[in-house]
Amino acid sequence: MKTPHQQTLWRWICLRVLTLAIGSVVLIAFSMWLRFVIQNLWVLHHMPPAKRREFALLLEHPERDLARFHHLMDAGWGISYSAPNVASADWLMLGVLVVIAIPFIVLLGLRSARPLSLQFSRLATAAGAIARGEFSTRVGIVDKAPAELARFTRNFNTMTHQLERYDRELRASHVAMAHELRSPLTAAIGRLQGMIDGVFKPEPAQLQMVMKQLILLNTLTDELHLLSLADAGRLLLTHSKLDLVELLQERAAWLKPQAGAAGMAIAISPSYPVPFMGDSFRLGQVFTIIMENALRYACEGKRLEVGVSRRPEACEITFRDWGPGVTEAFLLTMFERFTRAESSRARHSGGSGLGLSIARAVCEACGGTIYASLPPGGGLQITLLLPVTTAVADKKSET
């Protein structure tokens, strides 16, 4: 769709003010000139031919017979034609023109200012709706509105869209958060109450079950705290030299027992080092989350391929599995908090629904991005793009 050309606010105002000012002066001047033209044509038309020819000659050379020239002028146009009197016809004509021009100027000015006023009125109304919590409110751009105001309106709509999304996510997050925190807490309280009431014996196995729920509760609170820091822009990262391939191999070795139990092989390429400047702890956390996610949901594919490639501006890390994959609609929300493709299966396998949200938060804190796609042949591919500007600058400083 072609975007209409819009003027800047300064140009928009200047053009309309100048148009009104110049247009008003030109209108009055043209009306005065037209009045004299009509009067002259009327007088000359009713003047006898002989007298008209005589007047034409005297008009070119009035000095030949100045008295006769004034006599013809007074006879045709009247004695008061050139009298310097405020009550003369010329001044009366000017007053009439001004009285006629004022409503014209007012109407034209209001018409010209209407796009500006209407756009501000719409923005004010929408701002009031946003203040009442109606974040779905959008503002249409008025035709012929100034460019700055149109840009402001588009930014306002973008802001309300973000607010609507944040509000929706916050509401859903609060509900899911309460549910996720209540589940292990209820289980631990129930087990402890059973031991107090004598239903269960306070033996190590029962205490271990309580401890497992408390550990899960502690993990959830730690993950929520990390996401809160990321939302506030206070997730601190420690940059140091590391090898991405070595870090991936270390995380894969850590998950080797789970991978073996699931019958999944993790292949990492290339085998040579890929240096990078970043936070090894947080990046290792991201790699572990993605690998564990594949072990939970894609073990049917029996294989997880991890690839690392270095570009001039970024390092690309891909995690490709051959599991059942997800729907295209789920790709848009899979990195949101407490989002699961199969909630019951995720909870049964130990997933909190926060892992991929944490991965996204860490990647964004690093200045990178993370996204998922459905590759040909089935399965799921998660791609990380991490900027290498810091690493490049460090490398140049060493040389």
Protein backbone atom coordinates (compact mmCIF):
# COMPACT_ATOMS: atom_id res chain seq x y z
CA MET A 1 0.00 0.00 0.00
CA LYS A 2 1.42 3.39 -1.00
CA THR A 3 1.97 5.77 1.92
CA PRO A 4 0.54 9.25 1.23
CA HIS A 5 3.06 12.09 1.14
CA GLN A 6 2.80 14.26 4.24
CA GLN A 7 4.32 17.67 4.96
CA THR A 8 6.32 18.61 8.02
CA LEU A 9 4.46 20.54 10.72
CA TRP A 10 6.42 23.75 10.06
CA ARG A 11 5.79 23.55 6.33
CA TRP A 12 2.16 22.61 6.95
CA ILE A 13 1.56 25.66 9.16
CA CYS A 14 3.58 28.06 6.99
CA LEU A 15 1.76 27.09 3.82
CA ARG A 16 -1.65 27.58 5.38
CA VAL A 17 -0.80 30.88 7.11
CA LEU A 18 0.84 32.28 3.99
CA THR A 19 -2.02 31.06 1.84
CA LEU A 20 -4.56 32.77 4.08
CA ALA A 21 -2.57 36.04 4.32
CA ILE A 22 -1.60 36.32 0.67
CA GLY A 23 -4.95 35.01 -0.49
CA SER A 24 -6.82 37.61 1.57
CA VAL A 25 -4.72 40.51 0.25
CA VAL A 26 -4.99 39.28 -3.33
CA LEU A 27 -8.75 38.80 -2.94
CA ILE A 28 -9.27 42.35 -1.66
CA ALA A 29 -6.95 43.84 -4.28
CA PHE A 30 -8.62 41.87 -7.06
CA SER A 31 -12.06 42.92 -5.87
CA MET A 32 -11.01 46.58 -5.79
CA TRP A 33 -9.50 46.29 -9.28
CA LEU A 34 -12.61 44.53 -10.56
CA ARG A 35 -14.80 47.24 -9.10
CA PHE A 36 -12.86 49.94 -10.96
CA VAL A 37 -12.82 47.93 -14.20
CA ILE A 38 -16.57 47.40 -14.10
CA GLN A 39 -17.22 51.05 -13.25
CA ASN A 40 -14.93 52.27 -16.04
CA LEU A 41 -16.52 49.96 -18.59
CA TRP A 42 -19.97 51.07 -17.47
CA VAL A 43 -19.15 54.80 -17.74
CA LEU A 44 -17.36 54.48 -21.08
CA HIS A 45 -20.16 52.35 -22.46
CA HIS A 46 -22.75 55.05 -21.69
CA MET A 47 -20.53 57.93 -22.85
CA PRO A 48 -21.32 59.40 -26.32
CA PRO A 49 -18.83 58.25 -29.00
CA ALA A 50 -17.48 61.74 -29.67
CA LYS A 51 -16.99 62.45 -26.00
CA ARG A 52 -15.42 58.96 -25.55
CA ARG A 53 -12.82 59.69 -28.27
CA GLU A 54 -12.10 63.09 -26.75
CA PHE A 55 -11.66 61.51 -23.30
CA ALA A 56 -9.33 58.83 -24.71
CA LEU A 57 -7.05 61.53 -26.16
CA LEU A 58 -7.07 63.54 -22.93
CA LEU A 59 -6.44 60.36 -20.91
CA GLU A 60 -3.12 59.95 -22.74
CA HIS A 61 -2.23 63.70 -22.56
CA PRO A 62 -4.29 65.39 -19.81
CA GLU A 63 -1.96 68.37 -19.77
CA ARG A 64 -3.35 69.57 -23.14
CA ASP A 65 -6.64 70.63 -21.50
CA LEU A 66 -6.59 69.80 -17.83
CA ALA A 67 -9.87 71.59 -17.08
CA ARG A 68 -11.70 69.69 -19.83
CA PHE A 69 -10.19 66.40 -18.57
CA HIS A 70 -11.48 67.00 -15.01
CA HIS A 71 -14.85 68.06 -16.40
CA LEU A 72 -15.23 64.79 -18.28
CA MET A 73 -14.07 62.84 -15.20
CA ASP A 74 -16.52 64.60 -12.91
CA ALA A 75 -19.33 64.16 -15.43
CA GLY A 76 -18.69 60.43 -15.90
CA TRP A 77 -17.40 59.24 -12.52
CA GLY A 78 -18.73 61.90 -10.18
CA ILE A 79 -17.14 64.71 -8.20
CA SER A 80 -16.44 62.43 -5.19
CA TYR A 81 -14.55 59.90 -7.30
CA SER A 82 -11.14 61.08 -6.16
CA ALA A 83 -12.11 63.02 -3.07
CA PRO A 84 -9.85 62.23 -0.04
CA ASN A 85 -12.80 61.54 2.27
CA VAL A 86 -13.25 58.54 4.58
CA ALA A 87 -16.87 58.40 3.52
CA SER A 88 -15.97 58.19 -0.16
CA ALA A 89 -17.06 55.28 -2.32
CA ASP A 90 -13.54 53.82 -2.41
CA TRP A 91 -13.30 53.56 1.35
CA LEU A 92 -16.82 52.21 1.60
CA MET A 93 -15.95 49.60 -1.01
CA LEU A 94 -12.84 48.61 0.94
CA GLY A 95 -14.92 48.26 4.13
CA VAL A 96 -17.47 46.08 2.37
CA LEU A 97 -14.68 43.86 0.99
CA VAL A 98 -13.11 43.48 4.44
CA VAL A 99 -16.47 42.52 5.96
CA ILE A 100 -16.97 39.95 3.21
CA ALA A 101 -13.38 38.66 3.44
CA ILE A 102 -13.41 38.09 7.23
CA PRO A 103 -15.93 35.19 7.17
CA PHE A 104 -14.13 33.77 4.16
CA ILE A 105 -10.78 33.90 6.01
CA VAL A 106 -12.31 32.39 9.16
CA LEU A 107 -13.96 29.53 7.29
CA LEU A 108 -10.85 28.81 5.26
CA GLY A 109 -8.68 28.96 8.38
CA LEU A 110 -10.92 26.58 10.28
CA ARG A 111 -11.04 24.24 7.32
CA SER A 112 -7.25 24.31 7.01
CA ALA A 113 -6.73 23.73 10.74
CA ARG A 114 -9.29 20.91 10.94
CA PRO A 115 -6.83 18.05 10.17
CA LEU A 116 -4.54 19.28 12.97
CA SER A 117 -7.38 19.69 15.44
CA LEU A 118 -9.08 16.42 14.50
CA GLN A 119 -5.84 14.43 14.82
CA PHE A 120 -5.11 15.90 18.26
CA SER A 121 -8.71 15.24 19.34
CA ARG A 122 -8.44 11.61 18.31
CA LEU A 123 -5.13 11.25 20.16
CA ALA A 124 -6.58 12.88 23.28
CA THR A 125 -9.60 10.56 23.20
CA ALA A 126 -7.40 7.51 22.69
CA ALA A 127 -5.07 8.60 25.51
CA GLY A 128 -8.08 8.79 27.82
CA ALA A 129 -9.10 5.27 26.80
CA ILE A 130 -5.55 4.01 27.43
CA ALA A 131 -5.60 5.67 30.86
CA ARG A 132 -8.74 3.63 31.61
CA GLY A 133 -6.92 0.44 30.67
CA GLU A 134 -8.39 -0.01 27.19
CA PHE A 135 -5.08 -0.97 25.55
CA SER A 136 -6.71 -2.18 22.35
CA THR A 137 -7.44 1.43 21.36
CA ARG A 138 -5.94 2.58 18.06
CA VAL A 139 -5.94 6.00 16.36
CA GLY A 140 -6.54 6.53 12.65
CA ILE A 141 -4.44 9.04 10.74
CA VAL A 142 -6.42 12.00 9.45
CA ASP A 143 -6.04 12.80 5.79
CA LYS A 144 -3.71 15.77 5.13
CA ALA A 145 -2.36 15.76 8.69
CA PRO A 146 1.25 17.00 9.17
CA ALA A 147 4.03 14.42 8.85
CA GLU A 148 5.20 14.78 12.47
CA LEU A 149 1.67 14.28 13.75
CA ALA A 150 1.15 11.27 11.49
CA ARG A 151 4.43 9.77 12.72
CA PHE A 152 3.44 10.51 16.30
CA THR A 153 0.13 8.73 15.71
CA ARG A 154 1.86 5.67 14.27
CA ASN A 155 4.24 5.57 17.25
CA PHE A 156 1.26 5.98 19.58
CA ASN A 157 -0.44 2.97 17.97
CA THR A 158 2.77 0.96 18.27
CA MET A 159 2.98 1.89 21.95
CA THR A 160 -0.62 0.84 22.59
CA HIS A 161 0.02 -2.42 20.75
CA GLN A 162 3.00 -3.12 23.02
CA LEU A 163 0.99 -2.17 26.09
CA GLU A 164 -1.81 -4.48 25.01
CA ARG A 165 0.65 -7.32 24.51
CA TYR A 166 2.37 -6.67 27.85
CA ASP A 167 -0.96 -6.49 29.64
CA ARG A 168 -2.12 -9.73 28.04
CA GLU A 169 1.16 -11.47 28.87
CA LEU A 170 1.10 -10.09 32.41
CA ARG A 171 -2.41 -11.32 33.07
CA ALA A 172 -1.68 -14.75 31.63
CA SER A 173 1.65 -14.85 33.46
CA HIS A 174 0.06 -14.07 36.81
CA VAL A 175 -2.50 -16.83 36.41
CA ALA A 176 0.11 -19.34 35.24
CA MET A 177 2.58 -18.21 37.88
CA ALA A 178 0.07 -18.75 40.67
CA HIS A 179 -0.74 -22.21 39.31
CA GLU A 180 2.90 -23.23 38.89
CA LEU A 181 3.90 -22.04 42.36
CA ARG A 182 0.83 -23.54 44.00
CA SER A 183 1.41 -27.04 42.59
CA PRO A 184 4.73 -27.89 44.34
CA LEU A 185 3.74 -25.90 47.42
CA THR A 186 0.45 -27.80 47.74
CA ALA A 187 2.23 -31.11 47.22
CA ALA A 188 4.83 -30.33 49.90
CA ILE A 189 2.23 -29.09 52.39
CA GLY A 190 0.03 -32.13 51.76
CA ARG A 191 2.91 -34.53 52.30
CA LEU A 192 4.02 -32.74 55.50
CA GLN A 193 0.45 -32.63 56.79
CA GLY A 194 0.17 -36.37 56.12
CA MET A 195 3.27 -37.02 58.20
CA ILE A 196 1.95 -34.77 61.01
CA ASP A 197 -1.40 -36.60 60.98
CA GLY A 198 0.34 -39.96 60.95
CA VAL A 199 -0.85 -40.93 57.48
CA PHE A 200 2.79 -41.16 56.29
CA LYS A 201 5.77 -42.12 58.37
CA PRO A 202 8.45 -39.39 58.57
CA GLU A 203 11.01 -41.57 56.87
CA PRO A 204 13.76 -40.44 54.41
CA ALA A 205 11.70 -41.38 51.35
CA GLN A 206 8.80 -39.15 52.42
CA LEU A 207 11.12 -36.28 53.35
CA GLN A 208 12.86 -36.65 50.00
CA MET A 209 9.52 -36.20 48.22
CA VAL A 210 8.91 -32.98 50.18
CA MET A 211 12.45 -31.83 49.41
CA LYS A 212 11.90 -32.45 45.70
CA GLN A 213 8.85 -30.17 45.68
CA LEU A 214 10.69 -27.47 47.61
CA ILE A 215 13.60 -27.63 45.18
CA LEU A 216 11.14 -27.26 42.30
CA LEU A 217 9.57 -24.27 44.06
CA ASN A 218 13.01 -22.71 44.58
CA THR A 219 13.88 -23.25 40.92
CA LEU A 220 10.68 -21.55 39.82
CA THR A 221 11.33 -18.51 42.01
CA ASP A 222 14.92 -18.25 40.71
CA GLU A 223 13.70 -18.40 37.12
CA LEU A 224 11.02 -15.78 37.76
CA HIS A 225 13.61 -13.55 39.43
CA LEU A 226 15.89 -13.85 36.40
CA LEU A 227 13.04 -12.91 34.06
CA SER A 228 12.14 -9.95 36.28
CA LEU A 229 15.73 -8.69 36.09
CA ALA A 230 15.70 -9.09 32.32
CA ASP A 231 12.41 -7.16 32.00
CA ALA A 232 13.87 -4.35 34.12
CA GLY A 233 17.07 -4.30 32.03
CA ARG A 234 19.14 -5.27 35.06
CA LEU A 235 20.30 -8.72 33.98
CA LEU A 236 24.05 -8.29 34.39
CA LEU A 237 26.39 -10.28 32.15
CA THR A 238 30.08 -10.99 32.62
CA HIS A 239 32.01 -10.96 29.34
CA SER A 240 35.04 -13.17 28.98
CA LYS A 241 36.78 -15.11 26.23
CA LEU A 242 35.24 -18.49 25.59
CA ASP A 243 34.94 -21.18 22.95
CA LEU A 244 31.37 -21.77 21.83
CA VAL A 245 32.07 -25.32 20.62
CA GLU A 246 33.79 -26.24 23.87
CA LEU A 247 30.92 -24.78 25.90
CA LEU A 248 28.37 -26.74 23.84
CA GLN A 249 30.37 -29.95 24.26
CA GLU A 250 30.54 -29.35 28.01
CA ARG A 251 26.75 -28.86 28.23
CA ALA A 252 26.16 -31.96 26.07
CA ALA A 253 28.46 -34.02 28.32
CA TRP A 254 26.51 -32.80 31.35
CA LEU A 255 23.27 -34.01 29.73
CA LYS A 256 24.74 -37.27 28.45
CA PRO A 257 22.97 -39.49 31.08
CA GLN A 258 19.57 -37.99 30.18
CA ALA A 259 20.33 -38.23 26.46
CA GLY A 260 21.34 -41.86 26.84
CA ALA A 261 18.16 -42.64 28.76
CA ALA A 262 16.10 -40.95 26.04
CA GLY A 263 18.03 -42.72 23.27
CA MET A 264 19.09 -39.43 21.70
CA ALA A 265 22.51 -38.62 20.26
CA ILE A 266 23.81 -35.05 20.37
CA ALA A 267 26.16 -34.13 17.51
CA ILE A 268 28.09 -30.84 17.62
CA SER A 269 29.89 -29.30 14.65
CA PRO A 270 32.41 -28.02 13.82
CA SER A 271 35.09 -29.69 15.90
CA TYR A 272 37.50 -26.73 15.80
CA PRO A 273 37.24 -23.82 18.27
CA VAL A 274 34.92 -20.87 17.63
CA PRO A 275 36.10 -18.02 19.89
CA PHE A 276 33.60 -15.63 21.32
CA MET A 277 33.34 -12.89 23.93
CA GLY A 278 30.38 -13.45 26.23
CA ASP A 279 28.99 -14.72 29.52
CA SER A 280 29.85 -18.42 29.65
CA PHE A 281 27.49 -19.11 32.56
CA ARG A 282 24.42 -17.51 30.96
CA LEU A 283 25.15 -18.89 27.48
CA GLY A 284 25.69 -22.34 29.00
CA GLN A 285 22.31 -21.91 30.69
CA VAL A 286 20.71 -21.15 27.33
CA PHE A 287 22.36 -24.14 25.64
CA THR A 288 21.25 -26.45 28.46
CA ILE A 289 17.65 -25.18 28.25
CA ILE A 290 17.43 -25.81 24.51
CA MET A 291 19.06 -29.24 24.73
CA GLU A 292 16.81 -30.28 27.62
CA ASN A 293 13.83 -29.04 25.65
CA ALA A 294 14.85 -31.33 22.77
CA LEU A 295 15.32 -34.27 25.15
CA ARG A 296 11.83 -33.77 26.55
CA TYR A 297 9.88 -33.26 23.35
CA ALA A 298 11.99 -34.54 20.45
CA CYS A 299 13.52 -37.78 21.73
CA GLU A 300 11.52 -39.65 19.09
CA GLY A 301 13.86 -38.21 16.45
CA LYS A 302 16.85 -39.89 18.19
CA ARG A 303 19.19 -37.11 17.11
CA LEU A 304 19.99 -33.49 17.92
CA GLU A 305 22.39 -31.65 15.63
CA VAL A 306 24.06 -28.51 16.92
CA GLY A 307 25.87 -26.28 14.44
CA VAL A 308 28.03 -23.21 15.03
CA SER A 309 29.06 -20.79 12.30
CA ARG A 310 30.96 -17.52 12.57
CA ARG A 311 29.90 -14.50 10.55
CA PRO A 312 31.55 -11.09 10.41
CA GLU A 313 28.82 -9.54 12.54
CA ALA A 314 27.36 -12.48 14.50
CA CYS A 315 27.75 -16.10 15.56
CA GLU A 316 24.90 -18.37 14.51
CA ILE A 317 24.10 -21.43 16.62
CA THR A 318 21.43 -23.85 15.44
CA PHE A 319 19.76 -26.72 17.31
CA ARG A 320 18.04 -29.10 14.87
CA ASP A 321 15.99 -32.10 15.99
CA TRP A 322 13.78 -34.59 14.15
CA GLY A 323 10.99 -34.82 16.69
CA PRO A 324 7.27 -34.22 16.13
CA GLY A 325 7.83 -30.46 15.90
CA VAL A 326 5.15 -27.89 16.70
CA THR A 327 2.40 -26.09 14.85
CA GLU A 328 3.14 -22.88 12.97
CA ALA A 329 0.81 -20.99 15.31
CA PHE A 330 2.81 -22.18 18.32
CA LEU A 331 6.02 -20.75 16.83
CA LEU A 332 4.71 -17.27 17.57
CA THR A 333 4.25 -17.92 21.30
CA MET A 334 6.72 -20.64 22.23
CA PHE A 335 9.16 -18.16 23.82
CA GLU A 336 6.48 -16.62 26.05
CA ARG A 337 6.31 -17.45 29.74
CA PHE A 338 4.51 -20.61 30.84
CA THR A 339 3.85 -21.59 27.22
CA ARG A 340 3.73 -25.29 26.43
CA ALA A 341 2.70 -27.15 23.33
CA GLU A 342 1.46 -30.02 25.49
CA SER A 343 1.07 -28.72 29.01
CA SER A 344 0.31 -32.03 30.70
CA ARG A 345 3.28 -33.73 29.07
CA ALA A 346 5.55 -30.78 29.88
CA ARG A 347 4.60 -30.79 33.54
CA HIS A 348 4.98 -34.55 33.75
CA SER A 349 8.49 -34.30 32.31
CA GLY A 350 9.51 -31.56 34.71
CA GLY A 351 9.14 -28.51 32.49
CA SER A 352 8.11 -25.23 34.11
CA GLY A 353 7.25 -23.44 30.87
CA LEU A 354 9.89 -20.78 31.61
CA GLY A 355 12.94 -22.29 29.96
CA LEU A 356 12.61 -20.79 26.49
CA SER A 357 11.56 -17.46 28.02
CA ILE A 358 14.81 -17.43 29.96
CA ALA A 359 16.74 -18.32 26.80
CA ARG A 360 15.18 -15.39 24.97
CA ALA A 361 15.83 -13.01 27.87
CA VAL A 362 19.53 -13.97 28.02
CA CYS A 363 19.92 -13.70 24.23
CA GLU A 364 18.33 -10.25 24.20
CA ALA A 365 20.52 -9.16 27.12
CA CYS A 366 23.51 -10.21 24.98
CA GLY A 367 22.15 -8.07 22.15
CA GLY A 368 21.20 -11.14 20.13
CA THR A 369 18.03 -12.88 19.01
CA ILE A 370 16.53 -16.34 19.18
CA TYR A 371 13.81 -17.79 16.99
CA ALA A 372 12.34 -21.15 15.98
CA SER A 373 11.45 -22.53 12.58
CA LEU A 374 10.07 -25.68 11.00
CA PRO A 375 12.76 -27.04 8.66
CA PRO A 376 12.01 -29.32 5.69
CA GLY A 377 11.87 -32.95 6.72
CA GLY A 378 10.08 -32.33 10.01
CA GLY A 379 11.29 -31.53 13.48
CA LEU A 380 12.17 -28.16 14.93
CA GLN A 381 15.12 -25.82 14.60
CA ILE A 382 16.03 -23.16 17.13
CA THR A 383 18.50 -20.53 15.98
CA LEU A 384 20.58 -18.13 18.08
CA LEU A 385 22.24 -15.06 16.60
CA LEU A 386 24.81 -13.54 18.97
CA PRO A 387 26.64 -10.34 17.97
CA VAL A 388 30.44 -10.47 17.86
CA THR A 389 31.17 -6.74 17.96
CA THR A 390 32.64 -7.02 21.44
CA ALA A 391 34.82 -9.91 20.41
CA VAL A 392 36.02 -8.10 17.30
CA ALA A 393 36.88 -4.97 19.27
CA ASP A 394 38.80 -7.03 21.80
CA LYS A 395 40.70 -8.83 19.07
CA LYS A 396 41.69 -5.53 17.42
CA SER A 397 42.91 -4.10 20.73
CA GLU A 398 45.21 -7.08 21.19
CA THR A 399 46.77 -6.63 17.76
